[in-house]
Amino acid sequence: MSPCFALLQFKKSISLHSSASPPLYRPIYDMCEVSYPKTASWMEDKECCSWDGVECDKTTGHVIGLDLGCSWLNGPIHSNSSLFFLHHLRRLNLAGNLFNHSLLPSKFGKFKSLTHLNLSYSGFSGQIPYEISQLSSLVSLDLSYNRLLIETPVWKRVVDNLTQLRELLLDETNMSSVRPNSLMNLSSYLTTLSLHDCGLQGKLEDNILCLPSLQTLNLGGNWQLEGSLPMSNWSSSLKFLDLSATSLSGELPDSIGNLKSLKYLDLYACNNFTGSIPASIGNLMHITYLSLAQNKFTGSIPASIGNLVHITFLSLARNKFTGSIPASIGNLTHLTFLGLSYNNFSSGLLPSWLLNMPMLSDNQVI
């Protein structure tokens, strides 16, 4: 079957409906901010390499890329779909569509040349087939927000075989049978690991935060995940760290200030972090989002927090902070949200200067 004919057959096998790619908001991603039916413009009288979303190798003419993200695709993908005749695919993006909660076909494992596979937000269900672990050339794998299940044997094969992975996103995948210490066996090339709300439980080894290339780590929402933060040897490349709504505990170490590239830190609702905030927090000069809310932090808020001049969101609410609110917070002129409530400050009133900060209104200071 020729690639162009296979694409046309795939087009005919699946319906188009705008409701399949609705605008979705997530704290990190804006999925389907723009959506339209790419396949609607595919015409038989035109070379398929010119079709919207189709990429061909300029030398061989093989179809090597298919980007149908947010394309209104609506209906199941069956194991006999002509999509699986595109043997030379290197990049496949079907994210932001609705495949009617059909099972994830094992035939995806036939794309031996794939380096990038994105099936996020696409309405698949059931178990992740072990054939996915055969895609040994994968650099990026995103199966997030499908409510899939990955069993331990399949996870082990993924860890053992996908050694080139730079990005692994499995948010809202049921990983309750996976042991957290197995995360340390993932590719050392990993830059992004996102396992938000995956049902992980047990002790997390703190050296996951020391992986040399790690830039994004999202383990938030795994409320039975335990552990603490490393005292040293953090991944210096870390830009995004979400450990919110986990059961991690202990203190925020002074070494947090070494994360000079960090832009996002969320420890909200861990409930168990204690001790004072180290003055080194002021070294996080690039941070724009910081939430330490709903923990058991004590002591005074360090004046060095006023060094975070790029921050837009700061929440320290629902802790046990004492002393006064440092005037240096007035330096944070880009703040659009400030949470300070439910602490033990010496004055029960907010300083009047807080209400004069340019980007804050009354309902954005709590």
Protein backbone atom coordinates (compact mmCIF):
# COMPACT_ATOMS: atom_id res chain seq x y z
CA MET A 1 0.00 0.00 0.00
CA SER A 2 1.48 3.37 -1.03
CA PRO A 3 1.86 5.99 1.70
CA CYS A 4 -0.53 8.42 -0.02
CA PHE A 5 -3.19 5.75 -0.38
CA ALA A 6 -2.68 4.67 3.24
CA LEU A 7 -3.21 8.26 4.39
CA LEU A 8 -6.38 8.60 2.32
CA GLN A 9 -7.73 5.35 3.74
CA PHE A 10 -6.97 6.58 7.24
CA LYS A 11 -8.82 9.82 6.48
CA LYS A 12 -11.88 7.87 5.34
CA SER A 13 -11.82 5.57 8.38
CA ILE A 14 -12.27 8.29 10.96
CA SER A 15 -14.84 11.03 11.48
CA LEU A 16 -14.21 14.73 12.03
CA HIS A 17 -15.91 16.70 14.77
CA SER A 18 -14.85 19.92 16.47
CA SER A 19 -15.83 18.52 19.88
CA ALA A 20 -13.01 15.95 19.58
CA SER A 21 -10.42 18.72 20.00
CA PRO A 22 -11.88 21.19 22.51
CA PRO A 23 -9.72 23.86 24.13
CA LEU A 24 -8.17 22.36 27.25
CA TYR A 25 -6.28 24.09 30.01
CA ARG A 26 -3.59 22.53 32.14
CA PRO A 27 -1.14 24.32 34.47
CA ILE A 28 1.71 23.46 32.12
CA TYR A 29 0.22 22.95 28.69
CA ASP A 30 -2.31 24.74 26.58
CA MET A 31 -3.60 21.88 24.47
CA CYS A 32 -5.67 22.66 21.38
CA GLU A 33 -5.42 26.40 21.72
CA VAL A 34 -5.92 26.26 17.96
CA SER A 35 -7.63 23.29 16.34
CA TYR A 36 -8.88 22.57 12.84
CA PRO A 37 -9.46 19.47 10.65
CA LYS A 38 -6.16 19.05 8.82
CA THR A 39 -7.27 15.97 6.91
CA ALA A 40 -10.23 17.85 5.40
CA SER A 41 -7.84 19.54 2.98
CA TRP A 42 -6.22 16.31 1.79
CA MET A 43 -7.08 15.87 -1.90
CA GLU A 44 -6.42 12.83 -4.08
CA ASP A 45 -5.24 14.93 -7.00
CA LYS A 46 -2.35 16.39 -4.98
CA GLU A 47 0.90 14.78 -3.89
CA CYS A 48 0.50 13.75 -0.25
CA CYS A 49 3.86 15.26 0.69
CA SER A 50 2.19 18.66 0.27
CA TRP A 51 -0.75 17.82 2.56
CA ASP A 52 -1.22 19.62 5.85
CA GLY A 53 0.49 17.75 8.68
CA VAL A 54 2.45 15.42 6.39
CA GLU A 55 6.26 15.48 6.19
CA CYS A 56 8.25 13.51 3.62
CA ASP A 57 11.92 12.69 3.23
CA LYS A 58 13.18 14.90 0.42
CA THR A 59 15.44 12.17 -0.92
CA THR A 60 13.34 9.02 -0.69
CA GLY A 61 9.84 10.53 -0.68
CA HIS A 62 8.89 8.36 2.31
CA VAL A 63 6.35 9.80 4.75
CA ILE A 64 8.47 10.38 7.87
CA GLY A 65 6.28 12.77 9.85
CA LEU A 66 2.56 12.97 10.58
CA ASP A 67 1.28 15.81 12.78
CA LEU A 68 -2.46 15.55 13.27
CA GLY A 69 -2.54 17.06 16.74
CA CYS A 70 -5.83 18.82 17.53
CA SER A 71 -7.30 17.86 14.17
CA TRP A 72 -10.88 16.96 15.20
CA LEU A 73 -10.27 13.22 14.71
CA ASN A 74 -13.18 11.33 16.26
CA GLY A 75 -13.53 7.55 16.39
CA PRO A 76 -11.51 4.44 17.21
CA ILE A 77 -8.22 3.45 15.60
CA HIS A 78 -8.41 -0.28 14.91
CA SER A 79 -5.45 -2.63 14.66
CA ASN A 80 -6.03 -3.00 10.89
CA SER A 81 -5.91 0.76 10.30
CA SER A 82 -4.00 1.84 7.22
CA LEU A 83 -2.08 4.21 9.50
CA PHE A 84 0.17 1.27 10.37
CA PHE A 85 1.35 0.96 6.75
CA LEU A 86 3.44 4.11 7.18
CA HIS A 87 6.51 2.07 8.02
CA HIS A 88 9.02 4.92 7.75
CA LEU A 89 7.41 7.28 10.26
CA ARG A 90 9.83 9.03 12.58
CA ARG A 91 7.44 11.52 14.17
CA LEU A 92 3.77 10.87 14.96
CA ASN A 93 1.51 13.32 16.77
CA LEU A 94 -2.15 12.39 17.34
CA ALA A 95 -2.56 14.41 20.54
CA GLY A 96 -5.72 16.35 21.32
CA ASN A 97 -8.18 14.13 19.47
CA LEU A 98 -10.86 11.69 20.64
CA PHE A 99 -10.42 8.03 19.80
CA ASN A 100 -13.52 7.03 21.75
CA HIS A 101 -11.71 5.32 24.64
CA SER A 102 -10.58 2.56 22.32
CA LEU A 103 -7.69 0.34 23.39
CA LEU A 104 -4.23 1.55 22.44
CA PRO A 105 -3.37 -0.69 19.47
CA SER A 106 -0.28 -2.84 19.86
CA LYS A 107 0.50 -2.04 16.20
CA PHE A 108 2.05 1.26 17.32
CA GLY A 109 5.02 -0.93 18.19
CA LYS A 110 5.57 -1.58 14.46
CA PHE A 111 6.89 1.95 13.85
CA LYS A 112 10.53 0.92 14.32
CA SER A 113 11.93 4.26 13.13
CA LEU A 114 9.86 6.43 15.48
CA THR A 115 11.78 8.99 17.50
CA HIS A 116 8.77 11.05 18.67
CA LEU A 117 5.34 9.67 19.64
CA ASN A 118 2.64 11.91 21.13
CA LEU A 119 -0.75 10.37 21.90
CA SER A 120 -1.65 12.64 24.83
CA TYR A 121 -5.21 13.85 25.46
CA SER A 122 -6.51 11.47 22.82
CA GLY A 123 -9.07 9.29 24.56
CA PHE A 124 -7.28 5.94 24.56
CA SER A 125 -7.92 3.48 27.37
CA GLY A 126 -6.78 0.15 28.74
CA GLN A 127 -3.25 -1.13 29.22
CA ILE A 128 -0.19 0.24 27.50
CA PRO A 129 0.86 -2.66 25.24
CA TYR A 130 4.33 -4.10 25.70
CA GLU A 131 4.99 -3.46 21.98
CA ILE A 132 5.51 0.22 22.84
CA SER A 133 8.73 -0.88 24.55
CA GLN A 134 10.02 -2.12 21.18
CA LEU A 135 10.35 1.45 19.89
CA SER A 136 14.02 1.58 20.81
CA SER A 137 14.71 4.75 18.80
CA LEU A 138 12.23 6.85 20.79
CA VAL A 139 13.54 10.14 22.07
CA SER A 140 10.15 11.49 23.18
CA LEU A 141 7.11 9.52 24.40
CA ASP A 142 3.93 11.25 25.58
CA LEU A 143 0.93 9.10 26.53
CA SER A 144 -0.38 11.46 29.20
CA TYR A 145 -3.99 12.23 30.12
CA ASN A 146 -5.50 9.08 28.64
CA ARG A 147 -6.20 7.20 31.89
CA LEU A 148 -4.09 4.28 30.71
CA LEU A 149 -2.60 1.50 32.82
CA ILE A 150 1.01 0.34 32.76
CA GLU A 151 1.81 -2.93 34.45
CA THR A 152 5.19 -3.67 36.02
CA PRO A 153 6.46 -6.06 33.27
CA VAL A 154 5.72 -3.48 30.56
CA TRP A 155 7.29 -0.70 32.62
CA LYS A 156 10.43 -2.80 33.08
CA ARG A 157 10.69 -3.29 29.32
CA VAL A 158 10.22 0.44 28.75
CA VAL A 159 13.02 1.19 31.21
CA ASP A 160 15.35 -1.46 29.76
CA ASN A 161 14.72 -0.87 26.04
CA LEU A 162 14.01 2.84 25.59
CA THR A 163 17.52 3.95 26.43
CA GLN A 164 17.50 7.00 24.13
CA LEU A 165 14.55 8.71 25.85
CA ARG A 166 14.90 12.41 26.55
CA GLU A 167 11.21 13.04 27.31
CA LEU A 168 8.77 10.70 29.07
CA LEU A 169 5.28 11.96 29.93
CA LEU A 170 2.72 9.56 31.40
CA ASP A 171 0.53 11.93 33.47
CA GLU A 172 -2.66 10.29 34.83
CA THR A 173 -1.45 6.83 33.82
CA ASN A 174 -2.11 4.20 36.49
CA MET A 175 1.37 3.24 37.73
CA SER A 176 0.30 1.98 41.15
CA SER A 177 2.18 -1.31 40.72
CA VAL A 178 5.44 0.42 39.72
CA ARG A 179 8.11 0.84 42.39
CA PRO A 180 9.37 4.44 42.56
CA ASN A 181 13.02 3.36 42.88
CA SER A 182 12.81 1.97 39.32
CA LEU A 183 12.73 5.57 38.06
CA MET A 184 16.46 5.69 38.68
CA ASN A 185 16.96 3.12 35.90
CA LEU A 186 15.57 5.40 33.22
CA SER A 187 17.78 6.84 30.50
CA SER A 188 20.55 9.10 31.78
CA TYR A 189 19.73 11.38 28.84
CA LEU A 190 16.33 12.20 30.35
CA THR A 191 15.49 15.92 30.34
CA THR A 192 11.73 15.64 31.04
CA LEU A 193 9.96 13.20 33.36
CA SER A 194 6.28 13.93 34.00
CA LEU A 195 4.30 11.39 36.04
CA HIS A 196 1.62 13.61 37.57
CA ASP A 197 -1.21 11.81 39.41
CA CYS A 198 -0.04 8.30 38.51
CA GLY A 199 -0.75 6.56 41.81
CA LEU A 200 2.94 6.08 42.61
CA GLN A 201 3.43 4.90 46.17
CA GLY A 202 6.38 4.16 48.40
CA LYS A 203 9.77 5.79 48.88
CA LEU A 204 11.25 8.02 46.21
CA GLU A 205 15.03 7.98 46.03
CA ASP A 206 16.20 11.58 46.34
CA ASN A 207 18.91 11.05 43.71
CA ILE A 208 16.19 11.22 41.04
CA LEU A 209 16.76 14.96 41.46
CA CYS A 210 20.44 14.50 40.66
CA LEU A 211 20.06 13.10 37.13
CA PRO A 212 22.59 15.14 35.13
CA SER A 213 20.37 16.25 32.24
CA LEU A 214 17.04 16.64 34.06
CA GLN A 215 15.23 19.91 33.35
CA THR A 216 11.58 19.05 34.13
CA LEU A 217 10.37 16.76 36.91
CA ASN A 218 6.64 16.53 37.67
CA LEU A 219 5.63 13.99 40.32
CA GLY A 220 2.77 16.04 41.76
CA GLY A 221 -0.51 14.42 42.76
CA ASN A 222 1.10 11.14 43.89
CA TRP A 223 -0.09 11.52 47.47
CA GLN A 224 1.38 8.21 48.68
CA LEU A 225 4.85 9.03 47.39
CA GLU A 226 7.31 9.52 50.25
CA GLY A 227 10.84 10.81 50.51
CA SER A 228 12.86 13.98 51.04
CA LEU A 229 14.87 16.50 49.06
CA PRO A 230 18.60 15.93 48.47
CA MET A 231 21.06 17.93 50.55
CA SER A 232 23.45 18.33 47.62
CA ASN A 233 24.26 17.35 44.01
CA TRP A 234 20.97 18.58 42.53
CA SER A 235 20.65 18.51 38.76
CA SER A 236 21.95 21.99 37.93
CA SER A 237 19.87 22.07 34.74
CA LEU A 238 16.53 21.76 36.60
CA LYS A 239 13.98 24.35 35.45
CA PHE A 240 10.62 22.88 36.54
CA LEU A 241 9.95 20.92 39.74
CA ASP A 242 6.44 19.90 40.86
CA LEU A 243 6.18 17.72 43.96
CA SER A 244 2.82 19.10 45.08
CA ALA A 245 0.26 16.90 46.85
CA THR A 246 2.80 14.19 47.63
CA SER A 247 3.88 12.89 51.05
CA LEU A 248 7.45 14.14 50.76
CA SER A 249 8.76 15.61 54.00
CA GLY A 250 11.81 17.09 55.70
CA GLU A 251 13.40 20.50 55.26
CA LEU A 252 14.05 22.70 52.27
CA PRO A 253 17.84 22.40 52.09
CA ASP A 254 20.17 25.35 51.71
CA SER A 255 21.37 23.76 48.45
CA ILE A 256 18.04 24.69 46.81
CA GLY A 257 19.74 28.00 46.08
CA ASN A 258 22.13 26.27 43.67
CA LEU A 259 19.31 25.70 41.16
CA LYS A 260 20.09 28.88 39.25
CA SER A 261 17.99 27.79 36.23
CA LEU A 262 14.83 26.97 38.22
CA LYS A 263 11.68 28.76 37.02
CA TYR A 264 8.90 26.73 38.70
CA LEU A 265 8.84 25.13 42.16
CA ASP A 266 5.64 23.65 43.62
CA LEU A 267 5.56 21.95 47.03
CA TYR A 268 1.91 22.81 47.67
CA ALA A 269 -0.12 20.53 49.97
CA CYS A 270 2.66 18.15 50.91
CA ASN A 271 1.68 18.96 54.52
CA ASN A 272 4.93 17.60 55.94
CA PHE A 273 7.75 19.98 55.00
CA THR A 274 9.20 21.61 58.12
CA GLY A 275 11.93 24.00 59.21
CA SER A 276 12.65 27.47 57.95
CA ILE A 277 13.07 28.72 54.41
CA PRO A 278 16.81 29.10 53.76
CA ALA A 279 18.06 32.55 52.77
CA SER A 280 19.52 30.90 49.66
CA ILE A 281 15.99 30.89 48.20
CA GLY A 282 16.89 34.38 47.05
CA ASN A 283 19.40 32.89 44.58
CA LEU A 284 16.59 31.57 42.37
CA MET A 285 16.74 34.64 40.19
CA HIS A 286 14.83 33.13 37.25
CA ILE A 287 11.89 31.69 39.19
CA THR A 288 8.40 32.83 38.16
CA TYR A 289 6.23 30.41 40.21
CA LEU A 290 6.84 29.40 43.83
CA SER A 291 4.34 27.62 46.08
CA LEU A 292 5.28 26.32 49.51
CA ALA A 293 1.70 26.56 50.77
CA GLN A 294 0.02 24.05 53.09
CA ASN A 295 3.07 22.68 54.85
CA LYS A 296 4.61 23.16 58.30
CA PHE A 297 7.34 25.67 57.56
CA THR A 298 8.32 27.84 60.55
CA GLY A 299 10.44 30.88 61.34
CA SER A 300 10.52 34.17 59.49
CA ILE A 301 10.22 34.61 55.75
CA PRO A 302 13.77 35.56 54.67
CA ALA A 303 14.24 39.08 53.29
CA SER A 304 16.15 37.52 50.39
CA ILE A 305 12.81 36.46 48.90
CA GLY A 306 12.70 40.01 47.57
CA ASN A 307 15.46 39.04 45.11
CA LEU A 308 13.00 36.97 43.05
CA VAL A 309 12.25 39.90 40.78
CA HIS A 310 10.73 37.83 37.93
CA ILE A 311 8.21 35.97 40.09
CA THR A 312 4.50 36.26 39.21
CA PHE A 313 3.00 33.67 41.62
CA LEU A 314 4.08 33.35 45.26
CA SER A 315 2.15 31.35 47.85
CA LEU A 316 3.38 30.79 51.40
CA ALA A 317 -0.10 30.37 52.90
CA ARG A 318 -1.14 27.76 55.50
CA ASN A 319 2.21 27.34 57.24
CA LYS A 320 3.52 28.40 60.65
CA PHE A 321 5.56 31.45 59.70
CA THR A 322 6.17 34.04 62.41
CA GLY A 323 7.66 37.52 62.58
CA SER A 324 6.71 40.22 60.13
CA ILE A 325 6.10 40.12 56.39
CA PRO A 326 9.39 41.33 54.88
CA ALA A 327 9.21 44.69 53.14
CA SER A 328 11.44 43.28 50.40
CA ILE A 329 8.36 41.58 48.94
CA GLY A 330 7.56 45.06 47.67
CA ASN A 331 10.39 44.55 45.15
CA LEU A 332 8.37 41.84 43.41
CA THR A 333 6.61 44.14 40.98
CA HIS A 334 5.54 41.36 38.59
CA LEU A 335 3.46 39.49 41.19
CA THR A 336 -0.09 38.69 40.07
CA PHE A 337 -0.83 36.40 43.06
CA LEU A 338 0.42 36.48 46.64
CA GLY A 339 -0.67 33.98 49.31
CA LEU A 340 0.25 34.72 52.94
CA SER A 341 -2.88 33.75 54.89
CA TYR A 342 -3.14 31.26 57.79
CA ASN A 343 0.27 31.92 59.32
CA ASN A 344 1.36 33.34 62.69
CA PHE A 345 2.70 36.73 61.69
CA SER A 346 3.20 39.27 64.48
CA SER A 347 0.57 41.53 62.94
CA GLY A 348 -2.72 40.10 61.77
CA LEU A 349 -3.04 42.83 59.15
CA LEU A 350 -1.41 42.95 55.74
CA PRO A 351 0.97 45.88 55.30
CA SER A 352 -0.67 48.71 53.35
CA TRP A 353 2.19 48.77 50.86
CA LEU A 354 1.19 45.32 49.63
CA LEU A 355 -2.04 46.72 48.23
CA ASN A 356 -0.11 49.29 46.24
CA MET A 357 1.86 46.75 44.23
CA PRO A 358 1.14 47.38 40.54
CA MET A 359 0.00 43.92 39.37
CA LEU A 360 -1.92 42.90 42.51
CA SER A 361 -5.56 43.59 43.28
CA ASP A 362 -7.34 42.86 46.58
CA ASN A 363 -8.57 39.43 45.50
CA GLN A 364 -5.05 38.38 44.43
CA VAL A 365 -3.62 38.80 47.95
CA ILE A 366 -4.81 36.10 50.34
